[in-house]
Amino acid sequence: MARYVTRRVLQSIVVIIGVTIATFILIHLLPGGPARGLLGPSASQVQIHAFIVANGYNRPLYIQYGHYISDLVHGNLGFSYHYDQSVDSLIAQNLPKSALLLGLAYVVALIVAIPLGIAQAVRRNGWLDYSVTGTVFVAYSMPTFWLGTMLILLLSVTLRAFPPEGPQGSSVGAVLADPRALVLPVMTLAIVNIAQFSRFMRSSALENLVQDYVRTARSKGASEFVVLRRHVLRNSLIPIITMVGLSIPVAVGGALITESVFNYPGMGLLFWNAATTHDYPVLMGFTLVISVATALGSLAADLLYAVADPRVRYQ
């Protein structure tokens, strides 16, 4: 187990180093170079030259990359020209709020999707299975921006049940202080994840229901509830753990759109505003942070295998 953990940690480090190289290259592949990309097409040659010298872009690439890594190690992700503050401070302000939104969406999705998938597997080819399958396919095919807009029109404009805008607090505590405003953003992200997770849970549960250990448990007189809880549920969670770890990039993309639709002050809205204002340091910092989160999510999913299924033993 220790060897496996060490190997996976080293693989994650390699992936993160690869992301830093890709991010560094992207900065230098901007049309006209970083100076033109940051200063805009109207900048004069004198301004561009001064910017290049001031930021060290006239040095060899390996020296620039060394300074880039040194800045990253010290938590310096650059400086936002639009917000007039450091990128790391912007991320520190907005990342916890996005993590809260994604975390709540995942919790809601798992609470609904896991029993729903098992219920479909137990009653496969029945009316419940067919109706849920049709609903899930429709939900999974909905674009996030369209789903969020429809929820606003139905639950906010028509029924006036929830605010059309997400909570506008500057901290996690302030966001949690307005729970009604969190409902629609969380629901938008959760619906897509429910559709995805329930399908994998159904397939995994179907596979486990025909295994010998399930037949043995039933032959010993175990109730259906005990069979499902002790045998089917735990062994069926492995695909879900995998999906949770690997779906982080997709979830972040959905959060980007969701935060824009509901004007939720998180990383997604920060990225959207940075894209519209060509704030490249923020875009690159966002890309790096999300890539690191993806690598860590994949690592956590692999390590949770042994917890979910005691039969798994890594060498």
C-alpha atoms as a PDB file:
ATOM      1  CA  MET A   1       0.000   0.000   0.000  1.00  0.00           C
ATOM      2  CA  ALA A   2       2.808   2.411   0.922  1.00  0.00           C
ATOM      3  CA  ARG A   3       4.567   1.758  -2.382  1.00  0.00           C
ATOM      4  CA  TYR A   4       1.362   2.403  -4.290  1.00  0.00           C
ATOM      5  CA  VAL A   5       0.690   5.663  -2.443  1.00  0.00           C
ATOM      6  CA  THR A   6       4.256   6.829  -3.069  1.00  0.00           C
ATOM      7  CA  ARG A   7       4.010   5.951  -6.753  1.00  0.00           C
ATOM      8  CA  ARG A   8       0.691   7.740  -7.190  1.00  0.00           C
ATOM      9  CA  VAL A   9       1.944  10.837  -5.368  1.00  0.00           C
ATOM     10  CA  LEU A  10       5.007  10.956  -7.615  1.00  0.00           C
ATOM     11  CA  GLN A  11       2.792  10.555 -10.695  1.00  0.00           C
ATOM     12  CA  SER A  12       0.627  13.453  -9.513  1.00  0.00           C
ATOM     13  CA  ILE A  13       3.730  15.603  -9.026  1.00  0.00           C
ATOM     14  CA  VAL A  14       4.838  14.802 -12.579  1.00  0.00           C
ATOM     15  CA  VAL A  15       1.394  15.771 -13.887  1.00  0.00           C
ATOM     16  CA  ILE A  16       1.485  19.071 -11.985  1.00  0.00           C
ATOM     17  CA  ILE A  17       4.965  19.838 -13.349  1.00  0.00           C
ATOM     18  CA  GLY A  18       3.629  19.106 -16.834  1.00  0.00           C
ATOM     19  CA  VAL A  19       0.781  21.551 -16.222  1.00  0.00           C
ATOM     20  CA  THR A  20       3.237  24.275 -15.181  1.00  0.00           C
ATOM     21  CA  ILE A  21       5.193  23.720 -18.393  1.00  0.00           C
ATOM     22  CA  ALA A  22       2.018  23.852 -20.488  1.00  0.00           C
ATOM     23  CA  THR A  23       0.856  26.995 -18.679  1.00  0.00           C
ATOM     24  CA  PHE A  24       4.238  28.637 -19.197  1.00  0.00           C
ATOM     25  CA  ILE A  25       4.191  27.764 -22.911  1.00  0.00           C
ATOM     26  CA  LEU A  26       0.645  29.096 -23.310  1.00  0.00           C
ATOM     27  CA  ILE A  27       1.746  32.460 -21.927  1.00  0.00           C
ATOM     28  CA  HIS A  28       4.416  32.713 -24.613  1.00  0.00           C
ATOM     29  CA  LEU A  29       2.087  31.495 -27.382  1.00  0.00           C
ATOM     30  CA  LEU A  30      -0.292  34.430 -26.969  1.00  0.00           C
ATOM     31  CA  PRO A  31      -0.786  36.355 -30.233  1.00  0.00           C
ATOM     32  CA  GLY A  32       2.027  38.896 -30.318  1.00  0.00           C
ATOM     33  CA  GLY A  33       3.571  37.408 -27.179  1.00  0.00           C
ATOM     34  CA  PRO A  34       2.684  38.072 -23.525  1.00  0.00           C
ATOM     35  CA  ALA A  35       3.247  41.825 -23.863  1.00  0.00           C
ATOM     36  CA  ARG A  36       0.821  42.272 -26.748  1.00  0.00           C
ATOM     37  CA  GLY A  37      -1.677  39.897 -25.147  1.00  0.00           C
ATOM     38  CA  LEU A  38      -1.652  41.791 -21.860  1.00  0.00           C
ATOM     39  CA  LEU A  39      -1.314  45.373 -23.125  1.00  0.00           C
ATOM     40  CA  GLY A  40      -3.656  44.976 -26.072  1.00  0.00           C
ATOM     41  CA  PRO A  41      -3.337  45.786 -29.789  1.00  0.00           C
ATOM     42  CA  SER A  42      -3.248  49.546 -29.198  1.00  0.00           C
ATOM     43  CA  ALA A  43       0.016  49.454 -27.209  1.00  0.00           C
ATOM     44  CA  SER A  44       2.988  51.168 -28.813  1.00  0.00           C
ATOM     45  CA  GLN A  45       6.336  49.503 -29.442  1.00  0.00           C
ATOM     46  CA  VAL A  46       7.881  51.597 -26.664  1.00  0.00           C
ATOM     47  CA  GLN A  47       5.291  50.331 -24.171  1.00  0.00           C
ATOM     48  CA  ILE A  48       5.749  46.755 -25.337  1.00  0.00           C
ATOM     49  CA  HIS A  49       9.538  46.957 -25.021  1.00  0.00           C
ATOM     50  CA  ALA A  50       9.283  48.474 -21.549  1.00  0.00           C
ATOM     51  CA  PHE A  51       6.860  45.734 -20.491  1.00  0.00           C
ATOM     52  CA  ILE A  52       9.118  42.970 -21.857  1.00  0.00           C
ATOM     53  CA  VAL A  53      12.185  44.315 -20.023  1.00  0.00           C
ATOM     54  CA  ALA A  54      10.287  44.995 -16.784  1.00  0.00           C
ATOM     55  CA  ASN A  55       8.879  41.435 -16.649  1.00  0.00           C
ATOM     56  CA  GLY A  56      12.009  39.649 -17.837  1.00  0.00           C
ATOM     57  CA  TYR A  57      10.560  38.365 -21.113  1.00  0.00           C
ATOM     58  CA  ASN A  58      13.836  39.261 -22.856  1.00  0.00           C
ATOM     59  CA  ARG A  59      15.704  36.566 -20.906  1.00  0.00           C
ATOM     60  CA  PRO A  60      16.220  32.970 -22.116  1.00  0.00           C
ATOM     61  CA  LEU A  61      13.167  30.725 -21.712  1.00  0.00           C
ATOM     62  CA  TYR A  62      14.790  28.372 -19.204  1.00  0.00           C
ATOM     63  CA  ILE A  63      15.616  31.324 -16.928  1.00  0.00           C
ATOM     64  CA  GLN A  64      12.063  32.630 -17.276  1.00  0.00           C
ATOM     65  CA  TYR A  65      10.678  29.180 -16.422  1.00  0.00           C
ATOM     66  CA  GLY A  66      12.936  28.979 -13.393  1.00  0.00           C
ATOM     67  CA  HIS A  67      11.605  32.316 -12.123  1.00  0.00           C
ATOM     68  CA  TYR A  68       8.066  31.153 -12.915  1.00  0.00           C
ATOM     69  CA  ILE A  69       8.506  27.980 -10.803  1.00  0.00           C
ATOM     70  CA  SER A  70      10.132  29.994  -8.021  1.00  0.00           C
ATOM     71  CA  ASP A  71       7.158  32.348  -7.962  1.00  0.00           C
ATOM     72  CA  LEU A  72       4.723  29.409  -7.887  1.00  0.00           C
ATOM     73  CA  VAL A  73       6.563  27.795  -4.984  1.00  0.00           C
ATOM     74  CA  HIS A  74       6.265  31.058  -3.050  1.00  0.00           C
ATOM     75  CA  GLY A  75       2.558  31.341  -3.908  1.00  0.00           C
ATOM     76  CA  ASN A  76       2.996  34.099  -6.464  1.00  0.00           C
ATOM     77  CA  LEU A  77       0.683  33.435  -9.426  1.00  0.00           C
ATOM     78  CA  GLY A  78       1.097  36.824 -11.031  1.00  0.00           C
ATOM     79  CA  PHE A  79      -0.688  40.150 -10.899  1.00  0.00           C
ATOM     80  CA  SER A  80      -4.126  40.966 -12.264  1.00  0.00           C
ATOM     81  CA  TYR A  81      -4.153  44.126 -14.344  1.00  0.00           C
ATOM     82  CA  HIS A  82      -7.947  44.286 -14.321  1.00  0.00           C
ATOM     83  CA  TYR A  83      -8.486  43.850 -10.565  1.00  0.00           C
ATOM     84  CA  ASP A  84      -5.217  45.585  -9.617  1.00  0.00           C
ATOM     85  CA  GLN A  85      -4.251  42.906  -7.113  1.00  0.00           C
ATOM     86  CA  SER A  86      -2.311  39.651  -7.017  1.00  0.00           C
ATOM     87  CA  VAL A  87      -3.817  36.553  -8.597  1.00  0.00           C
ATOM     88  CA  ASP A  88      -3.179  34.433  -5.498  1.00  0.00           C
ATOM     89  CA  SER A  89      -5.207  36.855  -3.360  1.00  0.00           C
ATOM     90  CA  LEU A  90      -8.064  36.725  -5.886  1.00  0.00           C
ATOM     91  CA  ILE A  91      -8.008  32.931  -5.846  1.00  0.00           C
ATOM     92  CA  ALA A  92      -7.851  32.888  -2.041  1.00  0.00           C
ATOM     93  CA  GLN A  93     -10.977  35.058  -1.958  1.00  0.00           C
ATOM     94  CA  ASN A  94     -12.981  33.122  -4.536  1.00  0.00           C
ATOM     95  CA  LEU A  95     -11.818  29.492  -4.341  1.00  0.00           C
ATOM     96  CA  PRO A  96     -13.474  28.682  -0.979  1.00  0.00           C
ATOM     97  CA  LYS A  97     -16.832  29.917  -2.281  1.00  0.00           C
ATOM     98  CA  SER A  98     -16.552  27.793  -5.419  1.00  0.00           C
ATOM     99  CA  ALA A  99     -15.451  24.812  -3.329  1.00  0.00           C
ATOM    100  CA  LEU A 100     -18.547  25.295  -1.175  1.00  0.00           C
ATOM    101  CA  LEU A 101     -20.811  25.391  -4.222  1.00  0.00           C
ATOM    102  CA  LEU A 102     -19.242  22.297  -5.802  1.00  0.00           C
ATOM    103  CA  GLY A 103     -19.141  20.460  -2.481  1.00  0.00           C
ATOM    104  CA  LEU A 104     -22.836  21.029  -1.803  1.00  0.00           C
ATOM    105  CA  ALA A 105     -23.713  20.002  -5.364  1.00  0.00           C
ATOM    106  CA  TYR A 106     -21.707  16.778  -5.036  1.00  0.00           C
ATOM    107  CA  VAL A 107     -23.253  15.936  -1.656  1.00  0.00           C
ATOM    108  CA  VAL A 108     -26.787  16.460  -2.984  1.00  0.00           C
ATOM    109  CA  ALA A 109     -25.992  14.499  -6.155  1.00  0.00           C
ATOM    110  CA  LEU A 110     -24.556  11.521  -4.263  1.00  0.00           C
ATOM    111  CA  ILE A 111     -27.375  11.447  -1.716  1.00  0.00           C
ATOM    112  CA  VAL A 112     -29.901  11.242  -4.549  1.00  0.00           C
ATOM    113  CA  ALA A 113     -27.960   9.250  -7.173  1.00  0.00           C
ATOM    114  CA  ILE A 114     -26.732   6.332  -5.040  1.00  0.00           C
ATOM    115  CA  PRO A 115     -30.122   5.096  -3.759  1.00  0.00           C
ATOM    116  CA  LEU A 116     -31.705   5.961  -7.104  1.00  0.00           C
ATOM    117  CA  GLY A 117     -29.209   3.816  -9.011  1.00  0.00           C
ATOM    118  CA  ILE A 118     -29.649   0.892  -6.602  1.00  0.00           C
ATOM    119  CA  ALA A 119     -33.450   1.173  -6.844  1.00  0.00           C
ATOM    120  CA  GLN A 120     -33.194   1.029 -10.632  1.00  0.00           C
ATOM    121  CA  ALA A 121     -30.969  -2.043 -10.459  1.00  0.00           C
ATOM    122  CA  VAL A 122     -33.291  -3.859  -8.053  1.00  0.00           C
ATOM    123  CA  ARG A 123     -36.345  -3.018 -10.192  1.00  0.00           C
ATOM    124  CA  ARG A 124     -34.599  -3.261 -13.554  1.00  0.00           C
ATOM    125  CA  ASN A 125     -36.744  -3.275 -16.672  1.00  0.00           C
ATOM    126  CA  GLY A 126     -39.690  -2.036 -14.632  1.00  0.00           C
ATOM    127  CA  TRP A 127     -41.633   1.212 -14.857  1.00  0.00           C
ATOM    128  CA  LEU A 128     -39.364   2.885 -12.291  1.00  0.00           C
ATOM    129  CA  ASP A 129     -36.220   1.920 -14.195  1.00  0.00           C
ATOM    130  CA  TYR A 130     -37.567   3.108 -17.539  1.00  0.00           C
ATOM    131  CA  SER A 131     -39.006   6.375 -16.233  1.00  0.00           C
ATOM    132  CA  VAL A 132     -35.862   7.290 -14.277  1.00  0.00           C
ATOM    133  CA  THR A 133     -33.631   6.337 -17.222  1.00  0.00           C
ATOM    134  CA  GLY A 134     -35.587   8.599 -19.567  1.00  0.00           C
ATOM    135  CA  THR A 135     -35.511  11.487 -17.068  1.00  0.00           C
ATOM    136  CA  VAL A 136     -31.796  11.092 -16.464  1.00  0.00           C
ATOM    137  CA  PHE A 137     -30.962  11.097 -20.156  1.00  0.00           C
ATOM    138  CA  VAL A 138     -32.931  14.305 -20.620  1.00  0.00           C
ATOM    139  CA  ALA A 139     -31.242  15.931 -17.605  1.00  0.00           C
ATOM    140  CA  TYR A 140     -27.767  14.834 -18.705  1.00  0.00           C
ATOM    141  CA  SER A 141     -28.251  16.274 -22.193  1.00  0.00           C
ATOM    142  CA  MET A 142     -29.281  19.717 -20.944  1.00  0.00           C
ATOM    143  CA  PRO A 143     -26.655  22.479 -21.354  1.00  0.00           C
ATOM    144  CA  THR A 144     -25.814  23.967 -17.971  1.00  0.00           C
ATOM    145  CA  PHE A 145     -26.658  27.536 -18.972  1.00  0.00           C
ATOM    146  CA  TRP A 146     -30.054  26.441 -20.338  1.00  0.00           C
ATOM    147  CA  LEU A 147     -30.873  24.380 -17.236  1.00  0.00           C
ATOM    148  CA  GLY A 148     -29.953  27.268 -14.941  1.00  0.00           C
ATOM    149  CA  THR A 149     -32.023  29.698 -16.993  1.00  0.00           C
ATOM    150  CA  MET A 150     -35.046  27.361 -16.932  1.00  0.00           C
ATOM    151  CA  LEU A 151     -34.778  26.964 -13.171  1.00  0.00           C
ATOM    152  CA  ILE A 152     -34.704  30.750 -12.789  1.00  0.00           C
ATOM    153  CA  LEU A 153     -37.783  31.151 -15.002  1.00  0.00           C
ATOM    154  CA  LEU A 154     -39.701  28.387 -13.202  1.00  0.00           C
ATOM    155  CA  LEU A 155     -38.685  28.661  -9.549  1.00  0.00           C
ATOM    156  CA  SER A 156     -37.801  32.336  -9.350  1.00  0.00           C
ATOM    157  CA  VAL A 157     -39.791  34.300 -11.908  1.00  0.00           C
ATOM    158  CA  THR A 158     -42.940  32.133 -12.017  1.00  0.00           C
ATOM    159  CA  LEU A 159     -43.182  30.596  -8.531  1.00  0.00           C
ATOM    160  CA  ARG A 160     -41.061  33.212  -6.718  1.00  0.00           C
ATOM    161  CA  ALA A 161     -39.707  30.459  -4.470  1.00  0.00           C
ATOM    162  CA  PHE A 162     -36.010  31.366  -4.641  1.00  0.00           C
ATOM    163  CA  PRO A 163     -33.926  34.414  -5.579  1.00  0.00           C
ATOM    164  CA  PRO A 164     -32.740  34.513  -9.213  1.00  0.00           C
ATOM    165  CA  GLU A 165     -29.232  35.503  -8.107  1.00  0.00           C
ATOM    166  CA  GLY A 166     -26.737  33.583  -6.013  1.00  0.00           C
ATOM    167  CA  PRO A 167     -25.593  34.861  -2.600  1.00  0.00           C
ATOM    168  CA  GLN A 168     -23.311  37.876  -2.929  1.00  0.00           C
ATOM    169  CA  GLY A 169     -21.272  37.466   0.255  1.00  0.00           C
ATOM    170  CA  SER A 170     -17.539  38.096   0.203  1.00  0.00           C
ATOM    171  CA  SER A 171     -16.784  35.039   2.371  1.00  0.00           C
ATOM    172  CA  VAL A 172     -18.044  31.506   2.868  1.00  0.00           C
ATOM    173  CA  GLY A 173     -19.830  32.545   6.049  1.00  0.00           C
ATOM    174  CA  ALA A 174     -21.607  35.359   4.243  1.00  0.00           C
ATOM    175  CA  VAL A 175     -22.633  32.974   1.454  1.00  0.00           C
ATOM    176  CA  LEU A 176     -24.015  30.451   3.953  1.00  0.00           C
ATOM    177  CA  ALA A 177     -25.942  33.261   5.633  1.00  0.00           C
ATOM    178  CA  ASP A 178     -28.200  33.376   2.561  1.00  0.00           C
ATOM    179  CA  PRO A 179     -29.130  29.690   2.036  1.00  0.00           C
ATOM    180  CA  ARG A 180     -32.177  30.371  -0.155  1.00  0.00           C
ATOM    181  CA  ALA A 181     -29.986  32.033  -2.756  1.00  0.00           C
ATOM    182  CA  LEU A 182     -27.782  28.908  -2.838  1.00  0.00           C
ATOM    183  CA  VAL A 183     -30.609  26.574  -3.822  1.00  0.00           C
ATOM    184  CA  LEU A 184     -30.773  27.265  -7.564  1.00  0.00           C
ATOM    185  CA  PRO A 185     -26.980  27.229  -8.251  1.00  0.00           C
ATOM    186  CA  VAL A 186     -26.570  24.021  -6.243  1.00  0.00           C
ATOM    187  CA  MET A 187     -29.587  22.455  -7.939  1.00  0.00           C
ATOM    188  CA  THR A 188     -28.251  23.319 -11.389  1.00  0.00           C
ATOM    189  CA  LEU A 189     -24.934  21.582 -10.749  1.00  0.00           C
ATOM    190  CA  ALA A 190     -26.481  18.677  -8.830  1.00  0.00           C
ATOM    191  CA  ILE A 191     -28.999  17.695 -11.519  1.00  0.00           C
ATOM    192  CA  VAL A 192     -26.312  16.980 -14.122  1.00  0.00           C
ATOM    193  CA  ASN A 193     -24.246  15.001 -11.603  1.00  0.00           C
ATOM    194  CA  ILE A 194     -27.285  13.023 -10.454  1.00  0.00           C
ATOM    195  CA  ALA A 195     -27.904  11.968 -14.034  1.00  0.00           C
ATOM    196  CA  GLN A 196     -24.292  10.871 -14.461  1.00  0.00           C
ATOM    197  CA  PHE A 197     -23.747   9.160 -11.107  1.00  0.00           C
ATOM    198  CA  SER A 198     -27.065   7.288 -11.052  1.00  0.00           C
ATOM    199  CA  ARG A 199     -26.321   5.617 -14.401  1.00  0.00           C
ATOM    200  CA  PHE A 200     -22.950   4.366 -13.164  1.00  0.00           C
ATOM    201  CA  MET A 201     -24.466   3.283  -9.860  1.00  0.00           C
ATOM    202  CA  ARG A 202     -27.175   1.308 -11.667  1.00  0.00           C
ATOM    203  CA  SER A 203     -24.663  -0.501 -13.875  1.00  0.00           C
ATOM    204  CA  SER A 204     -22.368  -1.302 -10.961  1.00  0.00           C
ATOM    205  CA  ALA A 205     -25.229  -2.516  -8.767  1.00  0.00           C
ATOM    206  CA  LEU A 206     -26.536  -4.746 -11.570  1.00  0.00           C
ATOM    207  CA  GLU A 207     -23.109  -6.320 -11.878  1.00  0.00           C
ATOM    208  CA  ASN A 208     -22.866  -6.973  -8.144  1.00  0.00           C
ATOM    209  CA  LEU A 209     -26.391  -8.339  -7.762  1.00  0.00           C
ATOM    210  CA  VAL A 210     -25.484 -11.452  -9.786  1.00  0.00           C
ATOM    211  CA  GLN A 211     -22.257 -12.192  -7.897  1.00  0.00           C
ATOM    212  CA  ASP A 212     -21.831 -15.370  -5.839  1.00  0.00           C
ATOM    213  CA  TYR A 213     -21.441 -13.561  -2.518  1.00  0.00           C
ATOM    214  CA  VAL A 214     -24.874 -11.967  -2.979  1.00  0.00           C
ATOM    215  CA  ARG A 215     -26.486 -15.367  -3.664  1.00  0.00           C
ATOM    216  CA  THR A 216     -24.659 -16.799  -0.646  1.00  0.00           C
ATOM    217  CA  ALA A 217     -25.912 -13.999   1.609  1.00  0.00           C
ATOM    218  CA  ARG A 218     -29.477 -14.563   0.430  1.00  0.00           C
ATOM    219  CA  SER A 219     -29.217 -18.320   0.893  1.00  0.00           C
ATOM    220  CA  LYS A 220     -28.156 -17.726   4.521  1.00  0.00           C
ATOM    221  CA  GLY A 221     -31.398 -15.881   5.123  1.00  0.00           C
ATOM    222  CA  ALA A 222     -30.140 -12.299   5.020  1.00  0.00           C
ATOM    223  CA  SER A 223     -32.869  -9.785   4.324  1.00  0.00           C
ATOM    224  CA  GLU A 224     -32.869  -7.841   1.062  1.00  0.00           C
ATOM    225  CA  PHE A 225     -32.039  -4.636   2.947  1.00  0.00           C
ATOM    226  CA  VAL A 226     -28.987  -6.249   4.573  1.00  0.00           C
ATOM    227  CA  VAL A 227     -27.831  -7.683   1.246  1.00  0.00           C
ATOM    228  CA  LEU A 228     -28.097  -4.323  -0.453  1.00  0.00           C
ATOM    229  CA  ARG A 229     -26.467  -2.364   2.372  1.00  0.00           C
ATOM    230  CA  ARG A 230     -23.644  -4.705   3.363  1.00  0.00           C
ATOM    231  CA  HIS A 231     -22.768  -6.307   0.057  1.00  0.00           C
ATOM    232  CA  VAL A 232     -24.132  -4.510  -2.985  1.00  0.00           C
ATOM    233  CA  LEU A 233     -23.775  -0.890  -1.859  1.00  0.00           C
ATOM    234  CA  ARG A 234     -20.148  -0.945  -0.732  1.00  0.00           C
ATOM    235  CA  ASN A 235     -18.894  -2.902  -3.719  1.00  0.00           C
ATOM    236  CA  SER A 236     -20.872  -0.732  -6.133  1.00  0.00           C
ATOM    237  CA  LEU A 237     -19.323   2.504  -4.872  1.00  0.00           C
ATOM    238  CA  ILE A 238     -15.988   2.040  -6.662  1.00  0.00           C
ATOM    239  CA  PRO A 239     -17.197   3.409 -10.044  1.00  0.00           C
ATOM    240  CA  ILE A 240     -18.785   6.354  -8.234  1.00  0.00           C
ATOM    241  CA  ILE A 241     -15.509   7.108  -6.445  1.00  0.00           C
ATOM    242  CA  THR A 242     -13.801   7.040  -9.818  1.00  0.00           C
ATOM    243  CA  MET A 243     -16.387   9.365 -11.327  1.00  0.00           C
ATOM    244  CA  VAL A 244     -16.148  11.830  -8.447  1.00  0.00           C
ATOM    245  CA  GLY A 245     -12.387  12.074  -8.883  1.00  0.00           C
ATOM    246  CA  LEU A 246     -12.400  12.290 -12.671  1.00  0.00           C
ATOM    247  CA  SER A 247     -15.454  14.534 -13.010  1.00  0.00           C
ATOM    248  CA  ILE A 248     -13.803  17.487 -11.272  1.00  0.00           C
ATOM    249  CA  PRO A 249     -12.776  19.203 -14.550  1.00  0.00           C
ATOM    250  CA  VAL A 250     -16.301  18.762 -15.953  1.00  0.00           C
ATOM    251  CA  ALA A 251     -17.811  20.011 -12.702  1.00  0.00           C
ATOM    252  CA  VAL A 252     -15.530  23.052 -12.742  1.00  0.00           C
ATOM    253  CA  GLY A 253     -16.633  23.797 -16.296  1.00  0.00           C
ATOM    254  CA  GLY A 254     -20.250  23.536 -15.191  1.00  0.00           C
ATOM    255  CA  ALA A 255     -19.525  25.754 -12.194  1.00  0.00           C
ATOM    256  CA  LEU A 256     -18.011  28.360 -14.494  1.00  0.00           C
ATOM    257  CA  ILE A 257     -21.258  28.605 -16.458  1.00  0.00           C
ATOM    258  CA  THR A 258     -23.455  28.273 -13.364  1.00  0.00           C
ATOM    259  CA  GLU A 259     -21.658  31.060 -11.503  1.00  0.00           C
ATOM    260  CA  SER A 260     -21.986  33.289 -14.554  1.00  0.00           C
ATOM    261  CA  VAL A 261     -25.714  32.575 -14.888  1.00  0.00           C
ATOM    262  CA  PHE A 262     -26.428  33.216 -11.199  1.00  0.00           C
ATOM    263  CA  ASN A 263     -23.739  35.911 -10.714  1.00  0.00           C
ATOM    264  CA  TYR A 264     -22.231  33.788  -7.955  1.00  0.00           C
ATOM    265  CA  PRO A 265     -18.942  35.357  -6.754  1.00  0.00           C
ATOM    266  CA  GLY A 266     -16.624  32.382  -7.152  1.00  0.00           C
ATOM    267  CA  MET A 267     -13.815  31.111  -9.348  1.00  0.00           C
ATOM    268  CA  GLY A 268     -16.116  30.576 -12.312  1.00  0.00           C
ATOM    269  CA  LEU A 269     -17.288  34.178 -12.355  1.00  0.00           C
ATOM    270  CA  LEU A 270     -13.697  35.331 -11.823  1.00  0.00           C
ATOM    271  CA  PHE A 271     -12.579  33.284 -14.836  1.00  0.00           C
ATOM    272  CA  TRP A 272     -15.460  34.585 -16.947  1.00  0.00           C
ATOM    273  CA  ASN A 273     -14.654  38.223 -16.146  1.00  0.00           C
ATOM    274  CA  ALA A 274     -10.948  37.598 -16.765  1.00  0.00           C
ATOM    275  CA  ALA A 275     -11.722  36.073 -20.179  1.00  0.00           C
ATOM    276  CA  THR A 276     -13.844  39.047 -21.216  1.00  0.00           C
ATOM    277  CA  THR A 277     -11.168  41.544 -20.094  1.00  0.00           C
ATOM    278  CA  HIS A 278      -8.162  39.533 -21.408  1.00  0.00           C
ATOM    279  CA  ASP A 279      -6.738  39.278 -17.903  1.00  0.00           C
ATOM    280  CA  TYR A 280      -4.248  36.523 -18.802  1.00  0.00           C
ATOM    281  CA  PRO A 281      -2.504  36.174 -15.401  1.00  0.00           C
ATOM    282  CA  VAL A 282      -5.874  35.330 -13.830  1.00  0.00           C
ATOM    283  CA  LEU A 283      -6.702  32.865 -16.619  1.00  0.00           C
ATOM    284  CA  MET A 284      -3.366  31.107 -16.232  1.00  0.00           C
ATOM    285  CA  GLY A 285      -3.599  31.053 -12.445  1.00  0.00           C
ATOM    286  CA  PHE A 286      -7.092  29.602 -12.677  1.00  0.00           C
ATOM    287  CA  THR A 287      -5.920  26.924 -15.123  1.00  0.00           C
ATOM    288  CA  LEU A 288      -3.037  25.931 -12.866  1.00  0.00           C
ATOM    289  CA  VAL A 289      -5.163  25.730  -9.705  1.00  0.00           C
ATOM    290  CA  ILE A 290      -7.860  23.643 -11.387  1.00  0.00           C
ATOM    291  CA  SER A 291      -5.263  21.321 -12.910  1.00  0.00           C
ATOM    292  CA  VAL A 292      -3.708  20.750  -9.497  1.00  0.00           C
ATOM    293  CA  ALA A 293      -7.180  20.117  -8.024  1.00  0.00           C
ATOM    294  CA  THR A 294      -7.869  17.574 -10.780  1.00  0.00           C
ATOM    295  CA  ALA A 295      -4.623  15.718 -10.088  1.00  0.00           C
ATOM    296  CA  LEU A 296      -5.351  15.676  -6.360  1.00  0.00           C
ATOM    297  CA  GLY A 297      -8.940  14.540  -6.987  1.00  0.00           C
ATOM    298  CA  SER A 298      -7.737  11.627  -9.099  1.00  0.00           C
ATOM    299  CA  LEU A 299      -5.196  10.716  -6.412  1.00  0.00           C
ATOM    300  CA  ALA A 300      -7.850  10.828  -3.686  1.00  0.00           C
ATOM    301  CA  ALA A 301     -10.179   8.622  -5.762  1.00  0.00           C
ATOM    302  CA  ASP A 302      -7.445   5.990  -6.171  1.00  0.00           C
ATOM    303  CA  LEU A 303      -6.653   5.987  -2.456  1.00  0.00           C
ATOM    304  CA  LEU A 304     -10.319   5.630  -1.519  1.00  0.00           C
ATOM    305  CA  TYR A 305     -10.552   2.331  -3.404  1.00  0.00           C
ATOM    306  CA  ALA A 306      -9.093   0.429  -0.473  1.00  0.00           C
ATOM    307  CA  VAL A 307     -11.522   2.111   1.912  1.00  0.00           C
ATOM    308  CA  ALA A 308     -14.581   1.346  -0.219  1.00  0.00           C
ATOM    309  CA  ASP A 309     -13.584  -2.242  -1.003  1.00  0.00           C
ATOM    310  CA  PRO A 310     -11.402  -4.180   1.471  1.00  0.00           C
ATOM    311  CA  ARG A 311     -10.680  -6.738  -1.271  1.00  0.00           C
ATOM    312  CA  VAL A 312      -8.479  -4.168  -3.001  1.00  0.00           C
ATOM    313  CA  ARG A 313      -4.851  -4.418  -1.969  1.00  0.00           C
ATOM    314  CA  TYR A 314      -2.193  -2.304  -3.641  1.00  0.00           C
ATOM    315  CA  GLN A 315       1.359  -3.516  -3.855  1.00  0.00           C
END
